[in-house]
Structures are given as C-alpha cells and as structure tokens.
Amino acid sequence: MTRPLKPSRELRQRFDLYLHEQEVEKIRATAAAARLPMSTFLRRLALRQRIESPPSAGNLARWQELAPLASNLNQIAHACNAGLAPEGIYAVVAELAEQVRLLRLELLVPPGERS
C-alpha cells in the first residue's frame, strides 16, 4: 500500500513542465477518468505510486453492492482472528471467498462482452 500524499501546505516545491496542448488534454482526461486532480495524478505517476481507476459505469452498481459485503467479511475475519468464530463459520467463509473470486473475474470483463 502506498503512503498517503503529504498535505498541500507541505508541498512547496514547484516543478514546471512544458507540453503540447494535445498532451495536456490527454493527461487532463486521464486524470479526470481516475478522479484525481492533474497535480496528484502526475505526482503519483512520476513516483510510480498506484493509481486506481474507478469501476466502469457498467460495473459501478455491482461494485457498490459489494461494499457492505466486504465490510461484513472483514468483521468475520476479525472475529475468526480473535478466536470468536461461531461454529461452522469456516465453510461459510470459504464459500464467500469463492463467490468473491468469481465476481472479481466477472468484473474484469467489460459489460458488453459478458455472455
């Protein structure tokens, strides 16, 4: 996991870069697609930090459905690690893990190409 960026008040070194108008527009569009300001996008790119792209519009609803499930799974994992797992939970967790694996594979395929 990458370290969070420093607050903007701590970033005082300016860096000038000359680009063609088409290059600027391409970078601006790519940064917007990643939902990041251009400066943050370029800083992460230059420092080889992870830039996560948001899910496509076709996958957004499904992605949002996973949020509460992921939270519940995290709570189950914490309970298991603390030794507080209820009887039979391991089979349930194994089945959930398989379902998550299949769903992740499905989300890698663009919506128009699904069978």
N, C-alpha and C. Protein backbone atom coordinates (compact mmCIF):
# COMPACT_ATOMS: atom_id res chain seq x y z
N MET A 1 0.84 -1.18 0.00
CA MET A 1 0.00 0.00 0.00
C MET A 1 0.89 1.25 0.00
N THR A 2 0.55 2.22 -0.82
CA THR A 2 1.36 3.42 -0.91
C THR A 2 1.06 4.34 0.26
N ARG A 3 2.05 5.12 0.61
CA ARG A 3 1.85 6.09 1.67
C ARG A 3 0.98 7.23 1.16
N PRO A 4 0.14 7.81 2.03
CA PRO A 4 -0.68 8.93 1.59
C PRO A 4 0.20 10.13 1.24
N LEU A 5 -0.30 10.95 0.35
CA LEU A 5 0.44 12.15 -0.04
C LEU A 5 0.46 13.14 1.10
N LYS A 6 1.48 13.96 1.12
CA LYS A 6 1.57 15.00 2.14
C LYS A 6 0.49 16.04 1.88
N PRO A 7 0.04 16.71 2.95
CA PRO A 7 -0.94 17.79 2.75
C PRO A 7 -0.36 18.87 1.84
N SER A 8 -1.22 19.53 1.09
CA SER A 8 -0.75 20.51 0.11
C SER A 8 0.04 21.64 0.77
N ARG A 9 -0.23 21.93 2.03
CA ARG A 9 0.51 23.01 2.70
C ARG A 9 1.99 22.65 2.87
N GLU A 10 2.32 21.35 2.84
CA GLU A 10 3.70 20.90 2.97
C GLU A 10 4.40 20.79 1.61
N LEU A 11 3.64 20.88 0.54
CA LEU A 11 4.21 20.74 -0.81
C LEU A 11 4.51 22.13 -1.36
N ARG A 12 5.75 22.54 -1.25
CA ARG A 12 6.10 23.89 -1.65
C ARG A 12 7.06 23.95 -2.82
N GLN A 13 7.54 22.84 -3.30
CA GLN A 13 8.47 22.84 -4.43
C GLN A 13 7.68 22.77 -5.73
N ARG A 14 7.83 23.75 -6.57
CA ARG A 14 7.12 23.78 -7.84
C ARG A 14 7.98 23.16 -8.92
N PHE A 15 7.33 22.48 -9.86
CA PHE A 15 8.02 21.82 -10.96
C PHE A 15 7.33 22.22 -12.26
N ASP A 16 8.05 22.86 -13.15
CA ASP A 16 7.47 23.28 -14.42
C ASP A 16 7.72 22.22 -15.49
N LEU A 17 6.74 22.06 -16.34
CA LEU A 17 6.81 21.06 -17.39
C LEU A 17 6.17 21.64 -18.64
N TYR A 18 6.85 21.56 -19.75
CA TYR A 18 6.32 22.08 -21.00
C TYR A 18 5.73 20.94 -21.81
N LEU A 19 4.49 21.13 -22.24
CA LEU A 19 3.77 20.11 -23.00
C LEU A 19 3.03 20.75 -24.16
N HIS A 20 2.75 19.94 -25.17
CA HIS A 20 1.88 20.39 -26.25
C HIS A 20 0.44 20.39 -25.73
N GLU A 21 -0.39 21.17 -26.36
CA GLU A 21 -1.79 21.27 -25.94
C GLU A 21 -2.48 19.91 -25.95
N GLN A 22 -2.17 19.10 -26.96
CA GLN A 22 -2.78 17.76 -27.04
C GLN A 22 -2.34 16.88 -25.88
N GLU A 23 -1.08 17.01 -25.46
CA GLU A 23 -0.58 16.23 -24.33
C GLU A 23 -1.29 16.63 -23.04
N VAL A 24 -1.46 17.92 -22.87
CA VAL A 24 -2.15 18.43 -21.68
C VAL A 24 -3.57 17.88 -21.64
N GLU A 25 -4.26 17.93 -22.76
CA GLU A 25 -5.64 17.44 -22.80
C GLU A 25 -5.72 15.95 -22.53
N LYS A 26 -4.76 15.20 -23.05
CA LYS A 26 -4.75 13.76 -22.81
C LYS A 26 -4.51 13.45 -21.33
N ILE A 27 -3.55 14.17 -20.72
CA ILE A 27 -3.27 13.98 -19.29
C ILE A 27 -4.48 14.40 -18.46
N ARG A 28 -5.08 15.52 -18.83
CA ARG A 28 -6.26 16.01 -18.10
C ARG A 28 -7.40 14.99 -18.16
N ALA A 29 -7.61 14.41 -19.33
CA ALA A 29 -8.68 13.41 -19.48
C ALA A 29 -8.38 12.16 -18.67
N THR A 30 -7.13 11.72 -18.69
CA THR A 30 -6.75 10.52 -17.94
C THR A 30 -6.87 10.76 -16.44
N ALA A 31 -6.45 11.93 -15.98
CA ALA A 31 -6.58 12.28 -14.55
C ALA A 31 -8.05 12.36 -14.15
N ALA A 32 -8.87 12.92 -15.01
CA ALA A 32 -10.30 13.01 -14.71
C ALA A 32 -10.93 11.63 -14.65
N ALA A 33 -10.50 10.73 -15.54
CA ALA A 33 -11.03 9.36 -15.52
C ALA A 33 -10.65 8.64 -14.23
N ALA A 34 -9.48 8.99 -13.67
CA ALA A 34 -9.04 8.41 -12.40
C ALA A 34 -9.62 9.18 -11.21
N ARG A 35 -10.37 10.24 -11.51
CA ARG A 35 -10.99 11.10 -10.50
C ARG A 35 -9.94 11.71 -9.57
N LEU A 36 -8.87 12.22 -10.19
CA LEU A 36 -7.79 12.86 -9.45
C LEU A 36 -7.48 14.22 -10.08
N PRO A 37 -7.04 15.18 -9.26
CA PRO A 37 -6.54 16.43 -9.83
C PRO A 37 -5.28 16.13 -10.65
N MET A 38 -5.02 16.95 -11.65
CA MET A 38 -3.86 16.71 -12.51
C MET A 38 -2.56 16.63 -11.71
N SER A 39 -2.37 17.52 -10.75
CA SER A 39 -1.11 17.52 -9.99
C SER A 39 -0.94 16.22 -9.21
N THR A 40 -2.00 15.74 -8.59
CA THR A 40 -1.94 14.48 -7.85
C THR A 40 -1.68 13.32 -8.79
N PHE A 41 -2.38 13.32 -9.93
CA PHE A 41 -2.21 12.27 -10.91
C PHE A 41 -0.75 12.20 -11.40
N LEU A 42 -0.19 13.35 -11.78
CA LEU A 42 1.18 13.40 -12.29
C LEU A 42 2.20 13.04 -11.21
N ARG A 43 1.96 13.49 -9.98
CA ARG A 43 2.87 13.15 -8.89
C ARG A 43 2.89 11.65 -8.66
N ARG A 44 1.71 11.03 -8.59
CA ARG A 44 1.64 9.58 -8.37
C ARG A 44 2.27 8.82 -9.54
N LEU A 45 2.01 9.29 -10.74
CA LEU A 45 2.58 8.65 -11.92
C LEU A 45 4.11 8.73 -11.90
N ALA A 46 4.64 9.92 -11.63
CA ALA A 46 6.09 10.12 -11.62
C ALA A 46 6.77 9.32 -10.51
N LEU A 47 6.09 9.17 -9.38
CA LEU A 47 6.67 8.44 -8.25
C LEU A 47 6.31 6.95 -8.28
N ARG A 48 5.69 6.54 -9.37
CA ARG A 48 5.30 5.14 -9.57
C ARG A 48 4.42 4.62 -8.44
N GLN A 49 3.54 5.49 -7.97
CA GLN A 49 2.58 5.09 -6.96
C GLN A 49 1.34 4.56 -7.66
N ARG A 50 0.58 3.81 -6.95
CA ARG A 50 -0.61 3.18 -7.52
C ARG A 50 -1.68 4.23 -7.84
N ILE A 51 -2.23 4.10 -9.03
CA ILE A 51 -3.35 4.94 -9.45
C ILE A 51 -4.50 4.00 -9.74
N GLU A 52 -5.46 3.97 -8.85
CA GLU A 52 -6.59 3.06 -9.03
C GLU A 52 -7.65 3.74 -9.88
N SER A 53 -8.06 3.04 -10.90
CA SER A 53 -9.15 3.55 -11.73
C SER A 53 -10.46 3.14 -11.11
N PRO A 54 -11.42 4.05 -11.11
CA PRO A 54 -12.73 3.67 -10.59
C PRO A 54 -13.38 2.64 -11.51
N PRO A 55 -14.34 1.88 -11.00
CA PRO A 55 -15.00 0.90 -11.86
C PRO A 55 -15.75 1.60 -13.00
N SER A 56 -15.89 0.88 -14.11
CA SER A 56 -16.62 1.44 -15.25
C SER A 56 -18.07 1.68 -14.87
N ALA A 57 -18.75 2.49 -15.65
CA ALA A 57 -20.15 2.80 -15.36
C ALA A 57 -20.99 1.52 -15.31
N GLY A 58 -20.69 0.57 -16.17
CA GLY A 58 -21.44 -0.68 -16.19
C GLY A 58 -21.22 -1.52 -14.95
N ASN A 59 -20.06 -1.38 -14.32
CA ASN A 59 -19.75 -2.16 -13.13
C ASN A 59 -19.96 -1.41 -11.83
N LEU A 60 -20.26 -0.11 -11.91
CA LEU A 60 -20.35 0.72 -10.71
C LEU A 60 -21.42 0.22 -9.74
N ALA A 61 -22.60 -0.10 -10.24
CA ALA A 61 -23.67 -0.56 -9.35
C ALA A 61 -23.27 -1.86 -8.66
N ARG A 62 -22.69 -2.77 -9.40
CA ARG A 62 -22.26 -4.05 -8.81
C ARG A 62 -21.15 -3.81 -7.79
N TRP A 63 -20.24 -2.88 -8.12
CA TRP A 63 -19.14 -2.55 -7.21
C TRP A 63 -19.70 -2.03 -5.89
N GLN A 64 -20.72 -1.16 -5.97
CA GLN A 64 -21.32 -0.59 -4.77
C GLN A 64 -22.05 -1.65 -3.95
N GLU A 65 -22.62 -2.66 -4.61
CA GLU A 65 -23.28 -3.74 -3.89
C GLU A 65 -22.29 -4.52 -3.04
N LEU A 66 -21.04 -4.57 -3.48
CA LEU A 66 -20.02 -5.33 -2.76
C LEU A 66 -19.55 -4.65 -1.48
N ALA A 67 -19.71 -3.35 -1.37
CA ALA A 67 -19.17 -2.62 -0.22
C ALA A 67 -19.66 -3.17 1.12
N PRO A 68 -20.97 -3.33 1.34
CA PRO A 68 -21.39 -3.86 2.64
C PRO A 68 -20.97 -5.31 2.84
N LEU A 69 -20.92 -6.08 1.76
CA LEU A 69 -20.49 -7.47 1.88
C LEU A 69 -19.02 -7.55 2.29
N ALA A 70 -18.21 -6.69 1.71
CA ALA A 70 -16.79 -6.66 2.06
C ALA A 70 -16.62 -6.26 3.53
N SER A 71 -17.42 -5.33 3.98
CA SER A 71 -17.37 -4.91 5.38
C SER A 71 -17.73 -6.07 6.30
N ASN A 72 -18.80 -6.79 5.97
CA ASN A 72 -19.21 -7.93 6.78
C ASN A 72 -18.13 -9.01 6.79
N LEU A 73 -17.52 -9.26 5.64
CA LEU A 73 -16.46 -10.25 5.56
C LEU A 73 -15.28 -9.85 6.43
N ASN A 74 -14.97 -8.56 6.44
CA ASN A 74 -13.88 -8.06 7.27
C ASN A 74 -14.19 -8.29 8.75
N GLN A 75 -15.43 -8.07 9.15
CA GLN A 75 -15.83 -8.29 10.54
C GLN A 75 -15.71 -9.78 10.90
N ILE A 76 -16.10 -10.65 9.97
CA ILE A 76 -15.98 -12.09 10.20
C ILE A 76 -14.51 -12.47 10.36
N ALA A 77 -13.64 -11.91 9.51
CA ALA A 77 -12.22 -12.20 9.59
C ALA A 77 -11.65 -11.78 10.94
N HIS A 78 -12.05 -10.59 11.42
CA HIS A 78 -11.58 -10.12 12.72
C HIS A 78 -12.04 -11.06 13.83
N ALA A 79 -13.30 -11.50 13.76
CA ALA A 79 -13.82 -12.43 14.78
C ALA A 79 -13.04 -13.74 14.76
N CYS A 80 -12.76 -14.25 13.55
CA CYS A 80 -12.00 -15.50 13.43
C CYS A 80 -10.60 -15.34 14.01
N ASN A 81 -9.96 -14.22 13.70
CA ASN A 81 -8.60 -13.98 14.20
C ASN A 81 -8.56 -13.80 15.71
N ALA A 82 -9.66 -13.33 16.27
CA ALA A 82 -9.73 -13.14 17.72
C ALA A 82 -10.18 -14.41 18.45
N GLY A 83 -10.45 -15.47 17.68
CA GLY A 83 -10.88 -16.72 18.29
C GLY A 83 -12.35 -16.72 18.67
N LEU A 84 -13.12 -15.83 18.10
CA LEU A 84 -14.55 -15.70 18.43
C LEU A 84 -15.45 -16.22 17.32
N ALA A 85 -14.93 -17.06 16.46
CA ALA A 85 -15.69 -17.54 15.31
C ALA A 85 -16.78 -18.51 15.74
N PRO A 86 -18.01 -18.29 15.24
CA PRO A 86 -19.07 -19.24 15.57
C PRO A 86 -18.86 -20.59 14.88
N GLU A 87 -19.49 -21.61 15.39
CA GLU A 87 -19.38 -22.97 14.84
C GLU A 87 -19.78 -22.97 13.38
N GLY A 88 -18.98 -23.61 12.53
CA GLY A 88 -19.32 -23.77 11.11
C GLY A 88 -19.04 -22.57 10.24
N ILE A 89 -18.44 -21.53 10.78
CA ILE A 89 -18.22 -20.31 10.01
C ILE A 89 -17.17 -20.51 8.91
N TYR A 90 -16.23 -21.42 9.11
CA TYR A 90 -15.15 -21.59 8.15
C TYR A 90 -15.67 -22.04 6.78
N ALA A 91 -16.67 -22.91 6.76
CA ALA A 91 -17.26 -23.34 5.48
C ALA A 91 -17.96 -22.17 4.80
N VAL A 92 -18.62 -21.34 5.60
CA VAL A 92 -19.31 -20.17 5.05
C VAL A 92 -18.29 -19.20 4.46
N VAL A 93 -17.20 -18.97 5.17
CA VAL A 93 -16.16 -18.06 4.69
C VAL A 93 -15.53 -18.59 3.41
N ALA A 94 -15.29 -19.89 3.35
CA ALA A 94 -14.72 -20.48 2.14
C ALA A 94 -15.65 -20.29 0.95
N GLU A 95 -16.94 -20.47 1.16
CA GLU A 95 -17.91 -20.27 0.08
C GLU A 95 -17.97 -18.80 -0.34
N LEU A 96 -17.94 -17.90 0.63
CA LEU A 96 -17.93 -16.47 0.32
C LEU A 96 -16.68 -16.08 -0.47
N ALA A 97 -15.55 -16.63 -0.07
CA ALA A 97 -14.30 -16.33 -0.78
C ALA A 97 -14.39 -16.78 -2.24
N GLU A 98 -14.99 -17.92 -2.47
CA GLU A 98 -15.15 -18.42 -3.84
C GLU A 98 -16.09 -17.51 -4.64
N GLN A 99 -17.16 -17.08 -4.02
CA GLN A 99 -18.11 -16.18 -4.70
C GLN A 99 -17.44 -14.84 -5.03
N VAL A 100 -16.65 -14.33 -4.11
CA VAL A 100 -15.93 -13.07 -4.36
C VAL A 100 -14.94 -13.26 -5.51
N ARG A 101 -14.24 -14.38 -5.53
CA ARG A 101 -13.29 -14.66 -6.61
C ARG A 101 -13.99 -14.67 -7.96
N LEU A 102 -15.14 -15.34 -8.03
CA LEU A 102 -15.89 -15.40 -9.29
C LEU A 102 -16.40 -14.02 -9.70
N LEU A 103 -16.86 -13.26 -8.73
CA LEU A 103 -17.37 -11.92 -9.03
C LEU A 103 -16.25 -11.02 -9.53
N ARG A 104 -15.09 -11.11 -8.92
CA ARG A 104 -13.95 -10.31 -9.38
C ARG A 104 -13.59 -10.65 -10.82
N LEU A 105 -13.61 -11.92 -11.15
CA LEU A 105 -13.33 -12.33 -12.53
C LEU A 105 -14.38 -11.77 -13.48
N GLU A 106 -15.62 -11.79 -13.04
CA GLU A 106 -16.70 -11.26 -13.87
C GLU A 106 -16.54 -9.77 -14.10
N LEU A 107 -16.11 -9.04 -13.09
CA LEU A 107 -15.96 -7.59 -13.20
C LEU A 107 -14.81 -7.19 -14.11
N LEU A 108 -13.91 -8.11 -14.38
CA LEU A 108 -12.80 -7.82 -15.30
C LEU A 108 -13.26 -7.80 -16.75
N VAL A 109 -14.40 -8.41 -17.03
CA VAL A 109 -14.92 -8.46 -18.40
C VAL A 109 -15.83 -7.26 -18.61
N PRO A 110 -15.60 -6.45 -19.65
CA PRO A 110 -16.47 -5.30 -19.91
C PRO A 110 -17.93 -5.75 -20.07
N PRO A 111 -18.90 -4.93 -19.61
CA PRO A 111 -20.32 -5.31 -19.64
C PRO A 111 -20.83 -5.79 -21.00
N GLY A 112 -20.39 -5.19 -22.08
CA GLY A 112 -20.87 -5.56 -23.41
C GLY A 112 -20.36 -6.91 -23.89
N GLU A 113 -19.32 -7.43 -23.23
CA GLU A 113 -18.71 -8.70 -23.67
C GLU A 113 -19.11 -9.89 -22.81
N ARG A 114 -19.99 -9.66 -21.84
CA ARG A 114 -20.42 -10.76 -20.97
C ARG A 114 -21.39 -11.67 -21.72
N SER A 115 -21.30 -12.95 -21.41
CA SER A 115 -22.22 -13.90 -22.07
C SER A 115 -23.43 -14.17 -21.22
